[in-house]
Amino acid sequence: MVNVRIRGIYSTALTSLLLRNDFKVVQPSATIGERFNLPEEEEKCLLPDLDIYDRLDRQGVNAVGDEDSVKAFAELLKSTLDDAVFRRWYPLYSESNVPDSQTYLGTVVQETFMEKGSVSLGGKTHLNIEFPGSSKRTLDGFRALVTPTLDNHHYYKACIGRISSLLEMAEKMLEKDCPRLEVETLLRESVERELPHEGSRISMEHVKISGKVFHLGPAEIVEFDERNGRVRLSRTFTKTGVYDALRIRKNPGDYAVTEMMLGEWSFKTRYFSRDGRYKGTYVNINTPTEIYPGKIRYVDLEVDVCLWPDGKILKVDQEKLEERVVHGYISGKLAQIVGEKMEKILSSLNPDVERHDL
């Protein structure tokens, strides 16, 4: 049995999951001890084999412990969370004890999860785990088994700042037996005022499975249907280059029209010349898209679908995704989901529709 100490915004959900799978939670916070009725004296005296605490950006957790304990935790998450991403890493400095949270300042080196012993410091293995949109929703469900939890709890928490505070107030209302529908409506309306809107200029935070982050933009939101999560973005390019997968030249004045549904596993970008000539379509396969103050965020899943003006359609870089599975970054289940999404996209793309800037 693995002894685990957990801190941070995912602590209730992860405790709920781990206790159902023969892990032992030790040194719990006062809130966790009360929620799970953990024997106070025994758990406080036991030392952890594994420490779990928030990443600085709250988009997941860090797990630090012996190799077997970290691996057992990762394998449980892979079997439970559809889109979690796993990266080994070096902390910036060593530590004698892992405090409640916010210990490490960032990632210096990331290596494959399966490379045993490659990232060990002081006999400990360090794992950086990302919880994209689908994982957050699954963890919402585990939290809801224990305490009143509103939909999108962990997403709101990851927003930090005012949105996180609004969630806390809303869930206190829920604990006081306020009607759930009224609380949800009030929270949603309050959060919408904090998020980007039509006319806003935002960044697209394009996170690679390896952990590298690219900021695509700035983009202008030209349409945003908040109720249905439909977003339409426009970007204009000022420099020459090449549209990567399409292998088509990019010229100053070209523009891109991106259409997405928040929470979906892909989005589509169509490219046009300055005079409106269609250059091609690029469909990005990714973890469910999330919108935050100032940005849209997702993890890119390597595989893409491209359509050219002559009607040719190809899927691109599928072998990269398979390599990520082999190296332990993602689960085989996630690769299967990507394959299913890609086949639907291939069958739905219509060259005659794509060439028009609606």
Protein backbone atom coordinates (compact mmCIF):
# COMPACT_ATOMS: atom_id res chain seq x y z
CA MET A 1 0.00 0.00 0.00
CA VAL A 2 1.30 3.45 -0.96
CA ASN A 3 1.18 6.23 1.63
CA VAL A 4 0.24 9.52 -0.06
CA ARG A 5 0.24 13.12 1.18
CA ILE A 6 -1.93 15.44 -0.96
CA ARG A 7 -2.30 19.22 -1.02
CA GLY A 8 -3.92 21.70 -3.40
CA ILE A 9 -7.06 22.27 -5.43
CA TYR A 10 -7.25 18.64 -6.58
CA SER A 11 -6.81 17.15 -3.10
CA THR A 12 -10.45 16.18 -2.45
CA ALA A 13 -10.92 14.61 -5.87
CA LEU A 14 -7.61 12.72 -5.77
CA THR A 15 -8.19 11.56 -2.20
CA SER A 16 -11.59 10.25 -3.27
CA LEU A 17 -9.98 8.38 -6.18
CA LEU A 18 -6.97 7.05 -4.30
CA LEU A 19 -8.88 5.74 -1.28
CA ARG A 20 -11.01 3.69 -3.67
CA ASN A 21 -7.86 2.11 -5.09
CA ASP A 22 -5.94 0.93 -2.03
CA PHE A 23 -3.76 3.98 -1.50
CA LYS A 24 -3.47 5.33 2.05
CA VAL A 25 -3.76 9.10 2.58
CA VAL A 26 -1.47 10.31 5.37
CA GLN A 27 -0.91 13.68 7.04
CA PRO A 28 -4.22 15.00 5.64
CA SER A 29 -5.20 18.63 5.89
CA ALA A 30 -7.93 19.41 8.42
CA THR A 31 -10.51 19.69 5.63
CA ILE A 32 -9.55 16.36 4.03
CA GLY A 33 -9.47 14.60 7.38
CA GLU A 34 -12.99 15.83 8.14
CA ARG A 35 -14.43 15.09 4.68
CA PHE A 36 -13.14 11.53 4.64
CA ASN A 37 -13.33 10.81 8.37
CA LEU A 38 -9.67 9.78 8.45
CA PRO A 39 -8.27 8.49 11.78
CA GLU A 40 -6.51 11.60 12.97
CA GLU A 41 -3.60 10.36 15.07
CA GLU A 42 -2.53 7.40 12.92
CA GLU A 43 -2.47 9.26 9.60
CA LYS A 44 -0.63 12.27 11.03
CA CYS A 45 2.26 10.11 12.25
CA LEU A 46 2.84 8.12 9.05
CA LEU A 47 5.40 9.30 6.50
CA PRO A 48 4.42 9.55 2.82
CA ASP A 49 5.90 7.45 0.04
CA LEU A 50 4.44 9.95 -2.41
CA ASP A 51 3.75 13.70 -2.27
CA ILE A 52 1.17 15.25 -4.61
CA TYR A 53 0.67 19.00 -4.86
CA ASP A 54 -0.47 21.65 -7.36
CA ARG A 55 1.60 22.83 -10.29
CA LEU A 56 2.14 26.58 -10.15
CA ASP A 57 -0.34 27.11 -13.01
CA ARG A 58 -2.94 24.79 -11.39
CA GLN A 59 -3.25 22.89 -14.66
CA GLY A 60 -2.28 19.67 -12.92
CA VAL A 61 -0.10 18.31 -10.15
CA ASN A 62 3.46 17.34 -9.32
CA ALA A 63 4.07 13.89 -7.86
CA VAL A 64 7.31 13.24 -5.96
CA GLY A 65 8.26 9.93 -4.39
CA ASP A 66 9.95 6.61 -4.91
CA GLU A 67 9.84 5.13 -8.40
CA ASP A 68 7.24 2.43 -7.67
CA SER A 69 4.85 4.79 -5.85
CA VAL A 70 4.99 7.41 -8.61
CA LYS A 71 4.45 4.75 -11.25
CA ALA A 72 1.47 3.24 -9.40
CA PHE A 73 -0.13 6.69 -9.19
CA ALA A 74 0.50 7.38 -12.88
CA GLU A 75 -0.95 4.07 -13.98
CA LEU A 76 -4.11 4.68 -11.92
CA LEU A 77 -4.56 8.09 -13.53
CA LYS A 78 -3.97 6.66 -17.00
CA SER A 79 -6.78 4.17 -16.45
CA THR A 80 -9.11 6.85 -15.04
CA LEU A 81 -8.47 10.10 -16.91
CA ASP A 82 -8.84 10.20 -20.68
CA ASP A 83 -6.49 13.07 -21.52
CA ALA A 84 -3.93 13.35 -18.71
CA VAL A 85 -0.33 13.98 -19.82
CA PHE A 86 2.71 12.71 -17.89
CA ARG A 87 6.18 14.28 -17.93
CA ARG A 88 9.22 13.55 -15.82
CA TRP A 89 11.15 16.62 -14.73
CA TYR A 90 14.01 18.03 -12.70
CA PRO A 91 13.15 20.54 -9.96
CA LEU A 92 15.25 23.67 -9.85
CA TYR A 93 16.64 22.71 -6.48
CA SER A 94 16.53 19.78 -4.10
CA GLU A 95 14.49 19.73 -0.95
CA SER A 96 14.50 17.98 2.39
CA ASN A 97 10.71 17.98 2.69
CA VAL A 98 7.97 18.79 0.22
CA PRO A 99 5.71 21.49 1.72
CA ASP A 100 2.01 21.83 1.14
CA SER A 101 2.33 23.20 -2.40
CA GLN A 102 4.14 25.67 -4.66
CA THR A 103 7.55 24.09 -3.94
CA TYR A 104 9.14 24.05 -7.36
CA LEU A 105 9.63 27.07 -9.58
CA GLY A 106 9.38 25.27 -12.90
CA THR A 107 10.60 22.58 -15.23
CA VAL A 108 14.20 22.57 -16.33
CA VAL A 109 14.42 19.26 -18.16
CA GLN A 110 11.63 16.95 -19.29
CA GLU A 111 12.26 13.36 -20.28
CA THR A 112 10.19 10.34 -21.13
CA PHE A 113 8.25 8.85 -18.25
CA MET A 114 9.37 5.32 -19.11
CA GLU A 115 13.11 6.09 -18.86
CA LYS A 116 13.60 4.51 -15.45
CA GLY A 117 15.81 6.45 -13.10
CA SER A 118 16.47 9.22 -15.60
CA VAL A 119 15.03 11.94 -13.40
CA SER A 120 15.82 10.93 -9.86
CA LEU A 121 17.05 13.35 -7.22
CA GLY A 122 17.84 12.27 -3.69
CA GLY A 123 16.33 8.87 -4.45
CA LYS A 124 13.04 10.45 -5.58
CA THR A 125 11.25 10.42 -8.89
CA HIS A 126 9.55 13.62 -10.05
CA LEU A 127 6.49 13.53 -12.31
CA ASN A 128 4.66 16.53 -13.75
CA ILE A 129 1.04 15.65 -14.62
CA GLU A 130 -1.25 17.82 -16.74
CA PHE A 131 -5.04 17.70 -16.28
CA PRO A 132 -6.67 19.05 -19.46
CA GLY A 133 -10.41 19.65 -19.84
CA SER A 134 -11.67 16.06 -19.80
CA SER A 135 -9.53 15.13 -16.79
CA LYS A 136 -10.80 18.13 -14.84
CA ARG A 137 -14.41 17.07 -15.47
CA THR A 138 -13.72 13.49 -14.37
CA LEU A 139 -12.09 14.78 -11.19
CA ASP A 140 -15.16 16.96 -10.62
CA GLY A 141 -17.13 13.74 -10.43
CA PHE A 142 -14.85 12.20 -7.80
CA ARG A 143 -15.05 15.37 -5.72
CA ALA A 144 -18.85 15.41 -6.00
CA LEU A 145 -18.96 11.97 -4.34
CA VAL A 146 -17.73 13.60 -1.14
CA THR A 147 -18.86 17.23 -0.98
CA PRO A 148 -21.20 19.60 -2.85
CA THR A 149 -19.46 20.35 -6.16
CA LEU A 150 -20.56 22.55 -9.04
CA ASP A 151 -19.93 21.54 -12.64
CA ASN A 152 -16.53 22.72 -13.92
CA HIS A 153 -15.21 23.06 -10.36
CA HIS A 154 -11.57 22.35 -11.22
CA TYR A 155 -11.69 24.47 -14.37
CA TYR A 156 -12.90 27.45 -12.32
CA LYS A 157 -10.20 26.76 -9.72
CA ALA A 158 -7.54 26.71 -12.45
CA CYS A 159 -8.70 30.16 -13.56
CA ILE A 160 -7.31 31.46 -10.25
CA GLY A 161 -8.13 35.04 -9.19
CA ARG A 162 -11.69 36.31 -9.12
CA ILE A 163 -13.21 33.30 -10.91
CA SER A 164 -11.82 30.92 -8.29
CA SER A 165 -13.23 33.17 -5.55
CA LEU A 166 -16.64 33.25 -7.24
CA LEU A 167 -16.67 29.44 -7.25
CA GLU A 168 -15.88 29.28 -3.54
CA MET A 169 -18.76 31.63 -2.74
CA ALA A 170 -21.14 29.67 -4.97
CA GLU A 171 -20.28 26.34 -3.37
CA LYS A 172 -20.77 27.80 0.10
CA MET A 173 -24.27 28.75 -1.06
CA LEU A 174 -24.73 25.17 -2.24
CA GLU A 175 -23.66 23.84 1.16
CA LYS A 176 -26.36 26.04 2.72
CA ASP A 177 -28.98 24.28 0.57
CA CYS A 178 -29.54 27.13 -1.88
CA PRO A 179 -31.27 25.79 -5.04
CA ARG A 180 -28.57 24.30 -7.27
CA LEU A 181 -30.00 25.72 -10.50
CA GLU A 182 -30.05 29.24 -9.10
CA VAL A 183 -26.47 28.92 -7.84
CA GLU A 184 -25.24 27.52 -11.16
CA THR A 185 -26.96 30.29 -13.12
CA LEU A 186 -25.58 33.02 -10.87
CA LEU A 187 -22.06 31.58 -11.08
CA ARG A 188 -22.16 31.17 -14.86
CA GLU A 189 -23.34 34.74 -15.39
CA SER A 190 -20.68 36.08 -13.02
CA VAL A 191 -17.90 34.06 -14.70
CA GLU A 192 -18.96 35.17 -18.20
CA ARG A 193 -18.27 38.77 -17.19
CA GLU A 194 -14.67 37.80 -16.34
CA LEU A 195 -13.96 35.94 -19.59
CA PRO A 196 -13.13 37.31 -23.06
CA HIS A 197 -16.02 38.44 -25.26
CA GLU A 198 -16.65 39.46 -28.86
CA GLY A 199 -14.04 42.03 -29.82
CA SER A 200 -11.49 40.81 -27.26
CA ARG A 201 -7.94 40.09 -28.36
CA ILE A 202 -6.59 36.89 -26.89
CA SER A 203 -3.76 34.39 -27.16
CA MET A 204 -4.08 30.72 -28.06
CA GLU A 205 -1.93 28.74 -25.60
CA HIS A 206 -0.81 25.77 -27.70
CA VAL A 207 0.71 23.25 -25.25
CA LYS A 208 2.71 20.37 -26.69
CA ILE A 209 2.65 16.91 -25.12
CA SER A 210 6.34 17.40 -24.31
CA GLY A 211 5.42 20.46 -22.22
CA LYS A 212 6.64 23.17 -24.58
CA VAL A 213 4.17 26.06 -24.90
CA PHE A 214 3.57 28.18 -28.00
CA HIS A 215 1.38 31.29 -27.98
CA LEU A 216 -0.53 31.64 -31.23
CA GLY A 217 -1.90 35.08 -31.72
CA PRO A 218 -2.92 37.64 -30.98
CA ALA A 219 -6.35 36.69 -32.25
CA GLU A 220 -9.58 38.66 -32.23
CA ILE A 221 -12.82 37.04 -31.14
CA VAL A 222 -15.21 37.94 -33.95
CA GLU A 223 -18.06 35.71 -32.71
CA PHE A 224 -18.69 34.14 -29.30
CA ASP A 225 -21.87 32.26 -28.43
CA GLU A 226 -21.31 31.84 -24.68
CA ARG A 227 -24.31 29.58 -24.16
CA ASN A 228 -23.22 27.02 -26.78
CA GLY A 229 -19.48 27.59 -26.49
CA ARG A 230 -19.03 28.46 -30.15
CA VAL A 231 -16.02 30.73 -30.84
CA ARG A 232 -14.79 32.26 -34.08
CA LEU A 233 -11.35 33.88 -34.15
CA SER A 234 -9.48 35.93 -36.74
CA ARG A 235 -5.72 36.45 -37.07
CA THR A 236 -3.82 38.50 -39.65
CA PHE A 237 -0.20 37.69 -40.44
CA THR A 238 2.49 40.31 -40.92
CA LYS A 239 5.50 38.14 -41.78
CA THR A 240 6.40 35.65 -44.48
CA GLY A 241 6.72 31.97 -43.68
CA VAL A 242 5.17 28.58 -44.32
CA TYR A 243 1.98 27.03 -42.94
CA ASP A 244 3.64 24.02 -41.34
CA ALA A 245 1.59 20.95 -42.21
CA LEU A 246 0.05 22.46 -45.35
CA ARG A 247 3.51 23.39 -46.71
CA ILE A 248 1.99 26.48 -48.33
CA ARG A 249 3.68 29.86 -48.32
CA LYS A 250 2.47 32.46 -45.83
CA ASN A 251 2.53 36.08 -46.97
CA PRO A 252 1.99 39.40 -45.15
CA GLY A 253 -1.72 40.22 -45.21
CA ASP A 254 -2.82 36.58 -45.14
CA TYR A 255 -5.45 35.89 -42.52
CA ALA A 256 -6.73 32.86 -40.65
CA VAL A 257 -10.26 32.10 -39.51
CA THR A 258 -10.43 29.65 -36.61
CA GLU A 259 -13.69 28.03 -35.52
CA MET A 260 -14.03 25.97 -32.36
CA MET A 261 -16.49 24.68 -29.82
CA LEU A 262 -15.27 24.97 -26.24
CA GLY A 263 -14.90 21.50 -24.77
CA GLU A 264 -14.40 19.82 -28.15
CA TRP A 265 -11.39 17.71 -29.13
CA SER A 266 -10.48 19.65 -32.29
CA PHE A 267 -10.77 22.99 -34.00
CA LYS A 268 -10.50 24.13 -37.59
CA THR A 269 -8.44 26.95 -39.08
CA ARG A 270 -8.87 28.14 -42.69
CA TYR A 271 -6.21 30.26 -44.34
CA PHE A 272 -6.81 32.99 -46.94
CA SER A 273 -4.66 35.41 -48.86
CA ARG A 274 -5.03 39.17 -48.47
CA ASP A 275 -7.54 39.21 -51.38
CA GLY A 276 -9.59 36.33 -49.96
CA ARG A 277 -8.14 33.46 -51.99
CA TYR A 278 -8.49 30.16 -50.10
CA LYS A 279 -5.13 28.55 -49.22
CA GLY A 280 -6.15 25.49 -47.19
CA THR A 281 -7.65 24.14 -43.97
CA TYR A 282 -5.83 22.81 -40.93
CA VAL A 283 -7.76 20.78 -38.33
CA ASN A 284 -5.94 20.55 -35.01
CA ILE A 285 -6.63 17.51 -32.81
CA ASN A 286 -6.27 18.45 -29.15
CA THR A 287 -7.56 17.97 -25.64
CA PRO A 288 -10.91 19.70 -25.01
CA THR A 289 -10.48 23.45 -25.49
CA GLU A 290 -10.81 25.72 -22.45
CA ILE A 291 -11.17 29.51 -22.34
CA TYR A 292 -9.48 31.54 -19.61
CA PRO A 293 -9.14 35.27 -19.01
CA GLY A 294 -6.93 36.39 -21.88
CA LYS A 295 -6.42 33.05 -23.60
CA ILE A 296 -7.73 29.80 -25.02
CA ARG A 297 -5.82 26.73 -23.82
CA TYR A 298 -5.46 23.10 -24.93
CA VAL A 299 -2.83 20.38 -25.30
CA ASP A 300 -1.96 19.64 -28.91
CA LEU A 301 -2.17 15.88 -29.60
CA GLU A 302 0.30 15.83 -32.50
CA VAL A 303 -2.09 14.49 -35.16
CA ASP A 304 -3.70 16.92 -37.62
CA VAL A 305 -5.91 16.79 -40.70
CA CYS A 306 -5.10 19.01 -43.69
CA LEU A 307 -7.20 19.97 -46.70
CA TRP A 308 -5.76 21.71 -49.77
CA PRO A 309 -7.55 23.88 -52.36
CA ASP A 310 -7.48 21.02 -54.89
CA GLY A 311 -9.57 18.86 -52.52
CA LYS A 312 -6.75 16.62 -51.24
CA ILE A 313 -7.22 15.59 -47.59
CA LEU A 314 -4.50 13.98 -45.47
CA LYS A 315 -3.93 13.11 -41.83
CA VAL A 316 -0.53 14.24 -40.58
CA ASP A 317 1.97 13.08 -37.90
CA GLN A 318 0.08 10.06 -36.59
CA GLU A 319 3.40 8.33 -35.85
CA LYS A 320 4.29 11.12 -33.39
CA LEU A 321 1.24 10.33 -31.29
CA GLU A 322 2.13 6.63 -31.25
CA GLU A 323 5.64 7.52 -30.04
CA ARG A 324 4.13 9.49 -27.15
CA VAL A 325 2.22 6.40 -26.05
CA VAL A 326 5.33 4.22 -26.22
CA HIS A 327 7.31 6.73 -24.15
CA GLY A 328 4.59 6.96 -21.51
CA TYR A 329 3.49 10.57 -21.96
CA ILE A 330 -0.13 9.58 -22.65
CA SER A 331 -2.31 6.49 -22.43
CA GLY A 332 -3.24 4.13 -25.24
CA LYS A 333 -6.85 5.06 -24.53
CA LEU A 334 -6.14 8.68 -25.45
CA ALA A 335 -4.55 7.58 -28.73
CA GLN A 336 -7.69 5.57 -29.47
CA ILE A 337 -9.90 8.60 -28.81
CA VAL A 338 -7.75 10.67 -31.17
CA GLY A 339 -8.10 8.03 -33.90
CA GLU A 340 -11.89 8.05 -33.58
CA LYS A 341 -12.06 11.86 -33.68
CA MET A 342 -9.79 11.97 -36.70
CA GLU A 343 -11.92 9.55 -38.72
CA LYS A 344 -15.01 11.67 -38.08
CA ILE A 345 -13.18 14.76 -39.25
CA LEU A 346 -11.94 13.05 -42.41
CA SER A 347 -15.47 12.05 -43.33
CA SER A 348 -16.98 15.48 -42.61
CA LEU A 349 -14.62 17.89 -44.39
CA ASN A 350 -16.14 19.40 -47.55
CA PRO A 351 -13.72 21.28 -49.87
CA ASP A 352 -16.54 23.34 -51.37
CA VAL A 353 -17.58 24.60 -47.94
CA GLU A 354 -14.05 25.23 -46.66
CA ARG A 355 -13.03 27.66 -49.38
CA HIS A 356 -15.59 30.28 -48.30
CA ASP A 357 -14.84 32.81 -45.56
CA LEU A 358 -18.30 32.83 -44.02
